Structure formats: structure tokens, C-alpha cells
């Protein structure tokens, strides 16, 4: 029998739900891409069921984020000593830039100016 879901599973589920909502996907849409029922996805998002490694990989592809995204923001004591930390700015970019309404940054910027980006809609 597998371990019960814990605080890390809840954190992963919350991050998945946040990203799904940001992409304006329904539970039914994401569950369909993952070959699940929306009820099973709901259990993952609430942290009631554990997400397997292979399912987490599928979820990261469907939500267009790296696997590390699901673990960003976990308390340091929950992370492996080998885990890399992500700065808050990088985490924000991982959330916003893959958004379908976000414009792509230019491949190269000229000089020392900061690259700028715009969002097609300010409704979110």
C-alpha cells in the first residue's frame, strides 16, 4: 500500500491548479489530455492523492512548465540538499511567460537595456 498524501503532495496539487487556471483550462480539459477523469484530477489538485513521477511528467507537458515548477516555494526542509532553488523572479517568469497571451521575448536584446514584454490582455 502506498504512502498517504502529505504537505508536499498538497503543494504540488496547488501549483498544478494555479497553472491550470492561469491557462484558463477546465479540469475536464486537463484531465482529458492526461487520460484521467476530472474527479481524479481534482483529487491531485487538492493533494488527496499522490501524483506519480510519470503522471507529473505528463502534467508538466500539458501545463507547459518544467517539473521543478511544481516544487517551487516548498519549504527548504522539504527539499533535497541537491535541489536548486528558484528565485521569485524566475518562478514568476515560469508562471507568466508560457501563458498563451504572453508575447515572446526577442531572442537577443541590443546593448544593456532590459528586455521588455507585453501581455495582450490585462484581464488577469
N, C-alpha and C. Protein backbone atom coordinates (compact mmCIF):
# COMPACT_ATOMS: atom_id res chain seq x y z
N UNK A 1 0.83 -1.18 0.00
CA UNK A 1 0.00 0.00 0.00
C UNK A 1 0.88 1.24 0.00
N UNK A 2 0.54 2.24 -0.82
CA UNK A 2 1.35 3.44 -0.95
C UNK A 2 1.19 4.37 0.23
N UNK A 3 2.12 5.28 0.33
CA UNK A 3 2.07 6.28 1.39
C UNK A 3 0.89 7.21 1.17
N UNK A 4 0.41 7.78 2.24
CA UNK A 4 -0.65 8.77 2.15
C UNK A 4 -0.08 10.08 1.61
N UNK A 5 -0.96 10.87 1.03
CA UNK A 5 -0.56 12.19 0.54
C UNK A 5 -0.14 13.05 1.74
N UNK A 6 0.86 13.90 1.54
CA UNK A 6 1.33 14.76 2.62
C UNK A 6 1.38 16.22 2.15
N UNK A 7 2.05 17.07 2.92
CA UNK A 7 2.09 18.51 2.62
C UNK A 7 2.73 18.77 1.25
N UNK A 8 3.71 17.98 0.87
CA UNK A 8 4.35 18.16 -0.44
C UNK A 8 3.36 17.85 -1.55
N UNK A 9 2.56 16.80 -1.38
CA UNK A 9 1.55 16.45 -2.38
C UNK A 9 0.51 17.57 -2.51
N UNK A 10 0.15 18.18 -1.40
CA UNK A 10 -0.80 19.30 -1.44
C UNK A 10 -0.19 20.49 -2.17
N UNK A 11 1.09 20.75 -1.91
CA UNK A 11 1.77 21.86 -2.58
C UNK A 11 1.82 21.63 -4.10
N UNK A 12 2.18 20.43 -4.50
CA UNK A 12 2.23 20.09 -5.93
C UNK A 12 0.85 20.27 -6.55
N UNK A 13 -0.18 19.81 -5.87
CA UNK A 13 -1.54 19.95 -6.37
C UNK A 13 -1.97 21.40 -6.51
N UNK A 14 -1.62 22.22 -5.52
CA UNK A 14 -1.97 23.65 -5.59
C UNK A 14 -1.27 24.33 -6.77
N UNK A 15 -0.01 23.96 -6.99
CA UNK A 15 0.73 24.57 -8.11
C UNK A 15 0.13 24.14 -9.45
N UNK A 16 -0.29 22.88 -9.55
CA UNK A 16 -0.92 22.39 -10.77
C UNK A 16 -2.23 23.14 -11.02
N UNK A 17 -3.02 23.31 -9.98
CA UNK A 17 -4.30 24.01 -10.11
C UNK A 17 -4.08 25.46 -10.51
N UNK A 18 -3.10 26.13 -9.86
CA UNK A 18 -2.81 27.52 -10.18
C UNK A 18 -2.44 27.66 -11.66
N UNK A 19 -1.59 26.79 -12.14
CA UNK A 19 -1.15 26.86 -13.53
C UNK A 19 -2.31 26.57 -14.49
N UNK A 20 -3.13 25.57 -14.15
CA UNK A 20 -4.28 25.24 -15.00
C UNK A 20 -5.22 26.42 -15.11
N UNK A 21 -5.49 27.09 -14.00
CA UNK A 21 -6.38 28.25 -14.02
C UNK A 21 -5.77 29.40 -14.80
N UNK A 22 -4.46 29.58 -14.67
CA UNK A 22 -3.79 30.64 -15.41
C UNK A 22 -3.91 30.42 -16.92
N UNK A 23 -3.89 29.16 -17.33
CA UNK A 23 -4.04 28.82 -18.74
C UNK A 23 -5.51 28.78 -19.17
N UNK A 24 -6.40 29.07 -18.23
CA UNK A 24 -7.84 29.07 -18.48
C UNK A 24 -8.33 27.72 -19.00
N UNK A 25 -7.80 26.66 -18.38
CA UNK A 25 -8.20 25.29 -18.71
C UNK A 25 -9.18 24.81 -17.64
N UNK A 26 -10.15 24.04 -18.06
CA UNK A 26 -11.04 23.41 -17.09
C UNK A 26 -10.41 22.12 -16.60
N UNK A 27 -10.93 21.60 -15.51
CA UNK A 27 -10.45 20.30 -15.04
C UNK A 27 -10.72 19.23 -16.09
N UNK A 28 -11.85 19.34 -16.76
CA UNK A 28 -12.20 18.36 -17.78
C UNK A 28 -11.19 18.38 -18.93
N UNK A 29 -10.77 19.58 -19.34
CA UNK A 29 -9.81 19.70 -20.44
C UNK A 29 -8.46 19.08 -20.07
N UNK A 30 -7.95 19.44 -18.90
CA UNK A 30 -6.65 18.90 -18.50
C UNK A 30 -6.75 17.40 -18.25
N UNK A 31 -7.81 16.98 -17.58
CA UNK A 31 -7.99 15.55 -17.33
C UNK A 31 -8.05 14.77 -18.64
N UNK A 32 -8.71 15.32 -19.65
CA UNK A 32 -8.78 14.67 -20.96
C UNK A 32 -7.41 14.51 -21.58
N UNK A 33 -6.56 15.54 -21.46
CA UNK A 33 -5.20 15.45 -22.01
C UNK A 33 -4.37 14.41 -21.27
N UNK A 34 -4.68 14.21 -20.00
CA UNK A 34 -3.91 13.26 -19.18
C UNK A 34 -4.52 11.87 -19.15
N UNK A 35 -5.69 11.71 -19.77
CA UNK A 35 -6.36 10.41 -19.76
C UNK A 35 -6.94 10.05 -18.40
N UNK A 36 -7.42 11.07 -17.68
CA UNK A 36 -7.99 10.90 -16.35
C UNK A 36 -9.44 11.35 -16.34
N UNK A 37 -10.13 11.05 -15.26
CA UNK A 37 -11.43 11.68 -15.02
C UNK A 37 -11.16 13.00 -14.32
N UNK A 38 -12.11 13.93 -14.43
CA UNK A 38 -11.89 15.20 -13.75
C UNK A 38 -11.87 15.00 -12.23
N UNK A 39 -12.55 13.96 -11.76
CA UNK A 39 -12.55 13.68 -10.32
C UNK A 39 -11.15 13.29 -9.83
N UNK A 40 -10.44 12.49 -10.64
CA UNK A 40 -9.08 12.11 -10.26
C UNK A 40 -8.17 13.33 -10.26
N UNK A 41 -8.30 14.18 -11.27
CA UNK A 41 -7.51 15.41 -11.32
C UNK A 41 -7.82 16.28 -10.10
N UNK A 42 -9.08 16.35 -9.74
CA UNK A 42 -9.49 17.14 -8.58
C UNK A 42 -8.81 16.62 -7.31
N UNK A 43 -8.69 15.31 -7.18
CA UNK A 43 -8.01 14.73 -6.02
C UNK A 43 -6.53 15.09 -6.03
N UNK A 44 -5.90 15.09 -7.21
CA UNK A 44 -4.50 15.53 -7.30
C UNK A 44 -4.37 16.98 -6.88
N UNK A 45 -5.25 17.83 -7.41
CA UNK A 45 -5.16 19.27 -7.12
C UNK A 45 -5.39 19.58 -5.65
N UNK A 46 -6.21 18.80 -4.99
CA UNK A 46 -6.47 19.01 -3.56
C UNK A 46 -5.42 18.34 -2.68
N UNK A 47 -4.54 17.57 -3.29
CA UNK A 47 -3.50 16.89 -2.54
C UNK A 47 -4.01 15.67 -1.80
N UNK A 48 -5.16 15.15 -2.21
CA UNK A 48 -5.71 13.96 -1.56
C UNK A 48 -5.05 12.69 -2.08
N UNK A 49 -4.65 12.69 -3.35
CA UNK A 49 -3.93 11.57 -3.96
C UNK A 49 -2.55 12.03 -4.39
N UNK A 50 -1.61 11.12 -4.33
CA UNK A 50 -0.24 11.41 -4.76
C UNK A 50 -0.14 11.33 -6.27
N UNK A 51 0.69 12.18 -6.84
CA UNK A 51 0.92 12.19 -8.28
C UNK A 51 2.19 11.38 -8.53
N UNK A 52 2.10 10.37 -9.38
CA UNK A 52 3.29 9.56 -9.69
C UNK A 52 4.26 10.38 -10.54
N UNK A 53 5.48 9.91 -10.62
CA UNK A 53 6.50 10.60 -11.41
C UNK A 53 6.11 10.69 -12.88
N UNK A 54 5.58 9.59 -13.43
CA UNK A 54 5.21 9.61 -14.85
C UNK A 54 4.02 10.54 -15.09
N UNK A 55 3.08 10.58 -14.15
CA UNK A 55 1.92 11.47 -14.29
C UNK A 55 2.36 12.93 -14.14
N UNK A 56 3.32 13.18 -13.26
CA UNK A 56 3.83 14.54 -13.09
C UNK A 56 4.52 15.02 -14.36
N UNK A 57 5.23 14.12 -15.04
CA UNK A 57 5.85 14.47 -16.31
C UNK A 57 4.79 14.82 -17.35
N UNK A 58 3.74 14.01 -17.43
CA UNK A 58 2.64 14.30 -18.36
C UNK A 58 1.98 15.64 -18.03
N UNK A 59 1.79 15.89 -16.75
CA UNK A 59 1.15 17.12 -16.30
C UNK A 59 2.02 18.34 -16.64
N UNK A 60 3.33 18.20 -16.47
CA UNK A 60 4.22 19.32 -16.79
C UNK A 60 4.18 19.64 -18.28
N UNK A 61 4.06 18.61 -19.11
CA UNK A 61 3.96 18.84 -20.55
C UNK A 61 2.63 19.50 -20.91
N UNK A 62 1.54 19.00 -20.33
CA UNK A 62 0.22 19.55 -20.63
C UNK A 62 0.09 21.01 -20.15
N UNK A 63 0.73 21.32 -19.03
CA UNK A 63 0.66 22.68 -18.48
C UNK A 63 1.81 23.57 -18.94
N UNK A 64 2.71 22.99 -19.76
CA UNK A 64 3.83 23.73 -20.37
C UNK A 64 4.72 24.42 -19.33
N UNK A 65 5.13 23.64 -18.33
CA UNK A 65 6.07 24.11 -17.31
C UNK A 65 7.07 23.00 -17.02
N UNK A 66 8.28 23.35 -16.55
CA UNK A 66 9.22 22.30 -16.15
C UNK A 66 8.72 21.63 -14.87
N UNK A 67 9.14 20.42 -14.63
CA UNK A 67 8.72 19.69 -13.43
C UNK A 67 9.05 20.46 -12.16
N UNK A 68 10.17 21.16 -12.15
CA UNK A 68 10.58 21.94 -10.97
C UNK A 68 9.50 22.94 -10.55
N UNK A 69 8.70 23.41 -11.50
CA UNK A 69 7.65 24.38 -11.21
C UNK A 69 6.75 23.90 -10.07
N UNK A 70 6.42 22.62 -10.05
CA UNK A 70 5.50 22.09 -9.05
C UNK A 70 6.09 22.11 -7.64
N UNK A 71 7.42 22.19 -7.54
CA UNK A 71 8.08 22.17 -6.25
C UNK A 71 8.56 23.54 -5.80
N UNK A 72 8.49 24.54 -6.68
CA UNK A 72 8.90 25.89 -6.30
C UNK A 72 8.07 26.38 -5.12
N UNK A 73 8.75 26.97 -4.16
CA UNK A 73 8.07 27.51 -2.99
C UNK A 73 7.93 26.55 -1.84
N UNK A 74 8.39 25.31 -2.00
CA UNK A 74 8.37 24.37 -0.88
C UNK A 74 9.35 24.84 0.19
N UNK A 75 9.03 24.64 1.45
CA UNK A 75 9.99 24.99 2.50
C UNK A 75 11.30 24.23 2.29
N UNK A 76 12.41 24.86 2.58
CA UNK A 76 13.73 24.27 2.34
C UNK A 76 13.89 22.90 3.00
N UNK A 77 13.28 22.68 4.17
CA UNK A 77 13.43 21.40 4.85
C UNK A 77 12.79 20.25 4.07
N UNK A 78 11.86 20.56 3.16
CA UNK A 78 11.21 19.53 2.35
C UNK A 78 12.02 19.17 1.11
N UNK A 79 12.97 20.04 0.73
CA UNK A 79 13.74 19.83 -0.50
C UNK A 79 14.99 19.02 -0.23
N UNK A 80 15.42 18.30 -1.24
CA UNK A 80 16.68 17.58 -1.18
C UNK A 80 17.82 18.60 -1.10
N UNK A 81 18.91 18.29 -0.42
CA UNK A 81 20.04 19.21 -0.38
C UNK A 81 20.60 19.49 -1.78
N UNK A 82 20.35 18.60 -2.72
CA UNK A 82 20.85 18.79 -4.08
C UNK A 82 19.91 19.63 -4.94
N UNK A 83 18.70 19.88 -4.44
CA UNK A 83 17.73 20.64 -5.23
C UNK A 83 18.20 22.07 -5.38
N UNK A 84 17.97 22.61 -6.56
CA UNK A 84 18.33 24.01 -6.77
C UNK A 84 17.15 24.88 -6.39
N UNK A 85 17.47 26.03 -5.87
CA UNK A 85 16.40 26.96 -5.51
C UNK A 85 16.11 27.87 -6.69
N UNK A 86 14.90 28.28 -6.79
CA UNK A 86 14.47 29.16 -7.86
C UNK A 86 14.15 30.51 -7.27
N UNK A 87 14.67 31.57 -7.86
CA UNK A 87 14.39 32.90 -7.37
C UNK A 87 12.92 33.22 -7.60
N UNK A 88 12.35 34.13 -6.80
CA UNK A 88 10.95 34.51 -7.02
C UNK A 88 10.71 35.07 -8.42
N UNK A 89 11.68 35.82 -8.98
CA UNK A 89 11.51 36.36 -10.32
C UNK A 89 11.46 35.25 -11.36
N UNK A 90 12.35 34.26 -11.24
CA UNK A 90 12.34 33.15 -12.19
C UNK A 90 11.04 32.37 -12.09
N UNK A 91 10.57 32.17 -10.86
CA UNK A 91 9.31 31.46 -10.66
C UNK A 91 8.16 32.22 -11.31
N UNK A 92 8.14 33.53 -11.16
CA UNK A 92 7.09 34.35 -11.78
C UNK A 92 7.16 34.24 -13.30
N UNK A 93 8.36 34.27 -13.85
CA UNK A 93 8.52 34.12 -15.30
C UNK A 93 8.03 32.76 -15.78
N UNK A 94 8.31 31.71 -15.01
CA UNK A 94 7.84 30.38 -15.38
C UNK A 94 6.31 30.32 -15.39
N UNK A 95 5.70 31.11 -14.53
CA UNK A 95 4.24 31.13 -14.47
C UNK A 95 3.68 31.94 -15.63
N UNK A 96 4.22 33.13 -15.87
CA UNK A 96 3.61 34.07 -16.81
C UNK A 96 4.03 33.89 -18.26
N UNK A 97 5.30 33.67 -18.53
CA UNK A 97 5.76 33.68 -19.91
C UNK A 97 5.17 32.58 -20.78
N UNK A 98 4.97 31.36 -20.28
CA UNK A 98 4.35 30.36 -21.15
C UNK A 98 2.84 30.57 -21.33
N UNK A 99 2.30 31.62 -20.73
CA UNK A 99 0.86 31.89 -20.86
C UNK A 99 0.53 32.16 -22.33
N UNK A 100 -0.59 31.64 -22.83
CA UNK A 100 -0.91 31.81 -24.25
C UNK A 100 -1.04 33.27 -24.69
N UNK A 101 -1.34 34.17 -23.75
CA UNK A 101 -1.47 35.58 -24.13
C UNK A 101 -0.17 36.38 -24.00
N UNK A 102 0.86 35.75 -23.48
CA UNK A 102 2.13 36.46 -23.31
C UNK A 102 2.88 36.47 -24.64
N UNK A 103 3.49 37.59 -24.93
CA UNK A 103 4.29 37.70 -26.15
C UNK A 103 5.68 37.18 -25.87
N UNK A 104 6.31 36.65 -26.87
CA UNK A 104 7.66 36.11 -26.72
C UNK A 104 8.68 37.24 -26.63
N UNK A 105 9.72 37.00 -25.83
CA UNK A 105 10.83 37.94 -25.76
C UNK A 105 11.68 37.79 -27.00
N UNK A 106 12.32 38.88 -27.45
CA UNK A 106 13.21 38.73 -28.59
C UNK A 106 14.37 37.81 -28.24
N UNK A 107 14.89 37.11 -29.23
CA UNK A 107 15.98 36.16 -29.00
C UNK A 107 17.21 36.87 -28.44
N UNK A 108 17.50 38.06 -28.93
CA UNK A 108 18.65 38.82 -28.44
C UNK A 108 18.21 40.26 -28.21
N UNK A 109 18.77 40.86 -27.18
CA UNK A 109 18.47 42.28 -26.96
C UNK A 109 19.71 43.08 -27.32
N UNK A 110 19.52 44.28 -27.76
CA UNK A 110 20.65 45.12 -28.14
C UNK A 110 21.13 45.91 -26.93
N UNK A 111 22.42 45.92 -26.74
CA UNK A 111 23.01 46.70 -25.66
C UNK A 111 22.66 46.18 -24.28
N UNK A 112 22.67 47.10 -23.32
CA UNK A 112 22.44 46.70 -21.93
C UNK A 112 21.02 46.97 -21.47
N UNK A 113 20.14 47.32 -22.38
CA UNK A 113 18.76 47.59 -21.98
C UNK A 113 18.08 46.31 -21.53
N UNK A 114 17.13 46.46 -20.67
CA UNK A 114 16.38 45.31 -20.21
C UNK A 114 15.35 44.93 -21.25
N UNK A 115 15.18 43.63 -21.53
CA UNK A 115 14.16 43.23 -22.49
C UNK A 115 12.79 43.54 -21.90
N UNK A 116 11.86 43.90 -22.74
CA UNK A 116 10.52 44.18 -22.26
C UNK A 116 9.57 43.16 -22.86
N UNK A 117 8.47 42.94 -22.18
CA UNK A 117 7.44 42.08 -22.72
C UNK A 117 6.09 42.70 -22.43
N UNK A 118 5.12 42.32 -23.21
CA UNK A 118 3.77 42.85 -23.04
C UNK A 118 2.79 41.69 -23.01
N UNK A 119 1.70 41.94 -22.40
CA UNK A 119 0.64 40.95 -22.34
C UNK A 119 -0.52 41.48 -23.16
N UNK A 120 -1.09 40.62 -23.98
CA UNK A 120 -2.14 41.04 -24.91
C UNK A 120 -3.39 41.51 -24.18
N UNK A 121 -3.63 41.01 -22.98
CA UNK A 121 -4.83 41.38 -22.25
C UNK A 121 -4.46 41.60 -20.80
N UNK A 122 -5.01 42.63 -20.20
CA UNK A 122 -4.73 42.88 -18.80
C UNK A 122 -5.85 42.35 -17.92
N UNK A 123 -6.66 41.45 -18.44
CA UNK A 123 -7.79 40.92 -17.67
C UNK A 123 -7.37 39.98 -16.57
N UNK A 124 -6.11 39.55 -16.55
CA UNK A 124 -5.67 38.66 -15.48
C UNK A 124 -4.61 39.35 -14.72
